[in-house]
Amino acid sequence: MAARRLAETLSRRLVEDIYRCSQKKQTGVSLKYMMDFGAFPTRKNLLVSAQFLHKELPVRLAHRVIELENLPYGLSEKAPVVKVIKLYVK
């Protein structure tokens, strides 16, 4: 049902990208790792961080879109939830 709702409002290619990304596992990052990593920002650390975000953000956003699309009790059809879904997709 979620695929149908997404397909009704988005291009087929975008829906396929969202589902492809949502099938990937999210990479866990501990707070300690982030604190240690960001304590002394170097050019290399900034590049590594940017590369990680470039890879990880589409995966995490796709997971949120699918989770919101699959809410129970018709919640995914409520205007505020639809608005959040559109923001994540955008």
N, C-alpha and C. Protein backbone atom coordinates (compact mmCIF):
# COMPACT_ATOMS: atom_id res chain seq x y z
N MET A 1 0.82 -1.19 0.00
CA MET A 1 0.00 0.00 0.00
C MET A 1 0.87 1.26 0.00
N ALA A 2 1.98 1.24 0.76
CA ALA A 2 2.86 2.40 0.81
C ALA A 2 3.45 2.71 -0.55
N ALA A 3 3.83 1.66 -1.28
CA ALA A 3 4.41 1.87 -2.61
C ALA A 3 3.41 2.55 -3.53
N ARG A 4 2.15 2.19 -3.39
CA ARG A 4 1.12 2.78 -4.24
C ARG A 4 0.97 4.27 -3.92
N ARG A 5 0.96 4.62 -2.63
CA ARG A 5 0.81 6.03 -2.25
C ARG A 5 1.99 6.85 -2.74
N LEU A 6 3.20 6.32 -2.58
CA LEU A 6 4.37 7.03 -3.07
C LEU A 6 4.32 7.18 -4.59
N ALA A 7 3.95 6.11 -5.26
CA ALA A 7 3.92 6.11 -6.72
C ALA A 7 2.89 7.08 -7.27
N GLU A 8 1.86 7.35 -6.50
CA GLU A 8 0.82 8.27 -6.96
C GLU A 8 1.31 9.71 -7.02
N THR A 9 2.28 10.05 -6.20
CA THR A 9 2.70 11.45 -6.11
C THR A 9 4.12 11.70 -6.60
N LEU A 10 4.92 10.64 -6.79
CA LEU A 10 6.32 10.81 -7.16
C LEU A 10 6.64 10.06 -8.44
N SER A 11 7.73 10.44 -9.06
CA SER A 11 8.15 9.74 -10.27
C SER A 11 8.57 8.31 -9.92
N ARG A 12 8.44 7.44 -10.90
CA ARG A 12 8.77 6.03 -10.68
C ARG A 12 10.24 5.87 -10.28
N ARG A 13 11.11 6.63 -10.94
CA ARG A 13 12.54 6.52 -10.64
C ARG A 13 12.83 6.93 -9.19
N LEU A 14 12.19 7.98 -8.73
CA LEU A 14 12.40 8.44 -7.36
C LEU A 14 11.89 7.40 -6.36
N VAL A 15 10.73 6.83 -6.62
CA VAL A 15 10.19 5.79 -5.74
C VAL A 15 11.15 4.59 -5.70
N GLU A 16 11.67 4.19 -6.85
CA GLU A 16 12.62 3.08 -6.89
C GLU A 16 13.88 3.41 -6.11
N ASP A 17 14.37 4.64 -6.21
CA ASP A 17 15.55 5.05 -5.44
C ASP A 17 15.28 5.00 -3.94
N ILE A 18 14.10 5.47 -3.54
CA ILE A 18 13.74 5.45 -2.12
C ILE A 18 13.72 4.01 -1.61
N TYR A 19 13.07 3.12 -2.35
CA TYR A 19 12.99 1.72 -1.90
C TYR A 19 14.36 1.04 -1.93
N ARG A 20 15.17 1.36 -2.92
CA ARG A 20 16.52 0.78 -3.00
C ARG A 20 17.33 1.22 -1.78
N CYS A 21 17.28 2.50 -1.47
CA CYS A 21 18.02 3.01 -0.32
C CYS A 21 17.47 2.47 1.00
N SER A 22 16.16 2.27 1.05
CA SER A 22 15.57 1.77 2.30
C SER A 22 15.92 0.32 2.58
N GLN A 23 16.38 -0.40 1.56
CA GLN A 23 16.79 -1.79 1.75
C GLN A 23 18.20 -1.90 2.31
N LYS A 24 18.96 -0.82 2.25
CA LYS A 24 20.32 -0.82 2.78
C LYS A 24 20.28 -0.66 4.29
N LYS A 25 21.25 -1.23 4.94
CA LYS A 25 21.34 -1.12 6.39
C LYS A 25 21.95 0.23 6.77
N GLN A 26 21.39 0.85 7.80
CA GLN A 26 21.93 2.10 8.30
C GLN A 26 23.20 1.83 9.09
N THR A 27 24.17 2.72 8.96
CA THR A 27 25.43 2.57 9.68
C THR A 27 25.29 3.22 11.04
N GLY A 28 25.54 2.45 12.08
CA GLY A 28 25.46 2.99 13.43
C GLY A 28 26.69 3.81 13.77
N VAL A 29 26.47 4.90 14.49
CA VAL A 29 27.56 5.75 14.93
C VAL A 29 27.29 6.11 16.38
N SER A 30 28.25 5.82 17.25
CA SER A 30 28.06 6.11 18.67
C SER A 30 28.36 7.58 18.95
N LEU A 31 27.80 8.07 20.02
CA LEU A 31 28.05 9.44 20.44
C LEU A 31 29.52 9.64 20.77
N LYS A 32 30.13 8.64 21.41
CA LYS A 32 31.55 8.71 21.73
C LYS A 32 32.39 8.84 20.46
N TYR A 33 32.05 8.06 19.44
CA TYR A 33 32.79 8.13 18.19
C TYR A 33 32.67 9.53 17.57
N MET A 34 31.47 10.09 17.59
CA MET A 34 31.27 11.43 17.02
C MET A 34 32.06 12.47 17.81
N MET A 35 32.05 12.35 19.12
CA MET A 35 32.80 13.30 19.95
C MET A 35 34.30 13.18 19.70
N ASP A 36 34.80 11.95 19.64
CA ASP A 36 36.22 11.75 19.39
C ASP A 36 36.61 12.21 17.99
N PHE A 37 35.78 11.89 17.03
CA PHE A 37 36.06 12.23 15.64
C PHE A 37 36.05 13.74 15.41
N GLY A 38 35.11 14.42 16.07
CA GLY A 38 34.96 15.85 15.85
C GLY A 38 35.75 16.72 16.80
N ALA A 39 36.47 16.11 17.74
CA ALA A 39 37.20 16.89 18.73
C ALA A 39 38.29 17.75 18.09
N PHE A 40 38.96 17.22 17.10
CA PHE A 40 40.03 17.94 16.42
C PHE A 40 39.79 17.87 14.91
N PRO A 41 38.93 18.72 14.40
CA PRO A 41 38.59 18.64 12.97
C PRO A 41 39.78 19.01 12.08
N THR A 42 40.15 18.07 11.26
CA THR A 42 41.20 18.29 10.27
C THR A 42 40.54 18.26 8.90
N ARG A 43 41.29 18.63 7.89
CA ARG A 43 40.73 18.57 6.54
C ARG A 43 40.35 17.14 6.18
N LYS A 44 41.18 16.19 6.60
CA LYS A 44 40.90 14.78 6.31
C LYS A 44 39.62 14.34 7.03
N ASN A 45 39.48 14.71 8.31
CA ASN A 45 38.28 14.34 9.07
C ASN A 45 37.02 14.94 8.44
N LEU A 46 37.13 16.18 8.00
CA LEU A 46 35.97 16.83 7.36
C LEU A 46 35.60 16.14 6.06
N LEU A 47 36.61 15.72 5.30
CA LEU A 47 36.34 15.01 4.05
C LEU A 47 35.71 13.65 4.33
N VAL A 48 36.24 12.93 5.30
CA VAL A 48 35.68 11.63 5.67
C VAL A 48 34.24 11.79 6.15
N SER A 49 33.99 12.82 6.94
CA SER A 49 32.65 13.08 7.44
C SER A 49 31.69 13.40 6.30
N ALA A 50 32.12 14.23 5.37
CA ALA A 50 31.28 14.59 4.22
C ALA A 50 30.99 13.37 3.36
N GLN A 51 31.98 12.51 3.16
CA GLN A 51 31.78 11.29 2.36
C GLN A 51 30.79 10.36 3.06
N PHE A 52 30.92 10.24 4.37
CA PHE A 52 29.99 9.40 5.13
C PHE A 52 28.56 9.93 4.99
N LEU A 53 28.38 11.23 5.16
CA LEU A 53 27.04 11.82 5.05
C LEU A 53 26.48 11.67 3.65
N HIS A 54 27.32 11.83 2.65
CA HIS A 54 26.88 11.68 1.26
C HIS A 54 26.32 10.28 1.01
N LYS A 55 26.93 9.30 1.64
CA LYS A 55 26.49 7.91 1.48
C LYS A 55 25.32 7.57 2.41
N GLU A 56 25.36 8.07 3.62
CA GLU A 56 24.43 7.63 4.65
C GLU A 56 23.10 8.39 4.66
N LEU A 57 23.10 9.67 4.36
CA LEU A 57 21.85 10.44 4.44
C LEU A 57 20.73 9.90 3.56
N PRO A 58 20.98 9.55 2.30
CA PRO A 58 19.88 8.99 1.50
C PRO A 58 19.30 7.72 2.11
N VAL A 59 20.14 6.90 2.71
CA VAL A 59 19.68 5.66 3.34
C VAL A 59 18.77 5.98 4.53
N ARG A 60 19.22 6.87 5.38
CA ARG A 60 18.44 7.21 6.57
C ARG A 60 17.13 7.92 6.22
N LEU A 61 17.18 8.82 5.25
CA LEU A 61 15.95 9.51 4.84
C LEU A 61 14.96 8.53 4.21
N ALA A 62 15.46 7.60 3.42
CA ALA A 62 14.58 6.59 2.80
C ALA A 62 13.93 5.72 3.88
N HIS A 63 14.68 5.36 4.90
CA HIS A 63 14.11 4.58 6.00
C HIS A 63 12.97 5.35 6.67
N ARG A 64 13.18 6.65 6.90
CA ARG A 64 12.12 7.45 7.54
C ARG A 64 10.89 7.55 6.65
N VAL A 65 11.08 7.73 5.35
CA VAL A 65 9.95 7.83 4.43
C VAL A 65 9.13 6.54 4.48
N ILE A 66 9.79 5.40 4.39
CA ILE A 66 9.09 4.12 4.40
C ILE A 66 8.39 3.90 5.74
N GLU A 67 9.05 4.24 6.84
CA GLU A 67 8.41 4.10 8.15
C GLU A 67 7.15 4.97 8.25
N LEU A 68 7.24 6.20 7.78
CA LEU A 68 6.08 7.08 7.83
C LEU A 68 4.97 6.59 6.91
N GLU A 69 5.33 6.04 5.76
CA GLU A 69 4.33 5.51 4.83
C GLU A 69 3.62 4.28 5.40
N ASN A 70 4.24 3.59 6.32
CA ASN A 70 3.68 2.35 6.86
C ASN A 70 3.10 2.50 8.27
N LEU A 71 2.79 3.72 8.65
CA LEU A 71 2.18 3.92 9.97
C LEU A 71 0.80 3.26 10.02
N PRO A 72 0.42 2.76 11.20
CA PRO A 72 -0.88 2.10 11.32
C PRO A 72 -2.03 3.11 11.42
N TYR A 73 -3.24 2.58 11.32
CA TYR A 73 -4.48 3.33 11.56
C TYR A 73 -4.68 4.51 10.62
N GLY A 74 -4.11 4.45 9.43
CA GLY A 74 -4.29 5.53 8.48
C GLY A 74 -3.55 6.81 8.81
N LEU A 75 -2.62 6.73 9.75
CA LEU A 75 -1.89 7.93 10.15
C LEU A 75 -1.04 8.48 9.02
N SER A 76 -0.57 7.60 8.14
CA SER A 76 0.29 8.06 7.05
C SER A 76 -0.47 8.90 6.03
N GLU A 77 -1.79 8.94 6.14
CA GLU A 77 -2.59 9.75 5.22
C GLU A 77 -3.00 11.09 5.82
N LYS A 78 -2.63 11.33 7.07
CA LYS A 78 -2.94 12.60 7.73
C LYS A 78 -2.05 13.70 7.17
N ALA A 79 -2.60 14.87 7.03
CA ALA A 79 -1.91 16.00 6.39
C ALA A 79 -0.53 16.30 6.99
N PRO A 80 -0.39 16.34 8.32
CA PRO A 80 0.95 16.63 8.86
C PRO A 80 1.98 15.56 8.50
N VAL A 81 1.56 14.31 8.49
CA VAL A 81 2.49 13.23 8.16
C VAL A 81 2.85 13.29 6.68
N VAL A 82 1.88 13.56 5.84
CA VAL A 82 2.14 13.70 4.40
C VAL A 82 3.13 14.84 4.17
N LYS A 83 2.97 15.92 4.91
CA LYS A 83 3.87 17.06 4.78
C LYS A 83 5.31 16.67 5.16
N VAL A 84 5.47 15.92 6.24
CA VAL A 84 6.80 15.48 6.66
C VAL A 84 7.41 14.53 5.63
N ILE A 85 6.59 13.63 5.10
CA ILE A 85 7.07 12.72 4.06
C ILE A 85 7.60 13.51 2.86
N LYS A 86 6.83 14.51 2.44
CA LYS A 86 7.26 15.34 1.31
C LYS A 86 8.57 16.06 1.61
N LEU A 87 8.72 16.53 2.85
CA LEU A 87 9.97 17.19 3.22
C LEU A 87 11.15 16.23 3.15
N TYR A 88 10.96 15.01 3.65
CA TYR A 88 12.04 14.01 3.60
C TYR A 88 12.38 13.67 2.14
N VAL A 89 11.38 13.53 1.31
CA VAL A 89 11.61 13.19 -0.10
C VAL A 89 12.34 14.32 -0.80
N LYS A 90 11.94 15.53 -0.52
CA LYS A 90 12.56 16.70 -1.14
C LYS A 90 14.02 16.80 -0.75
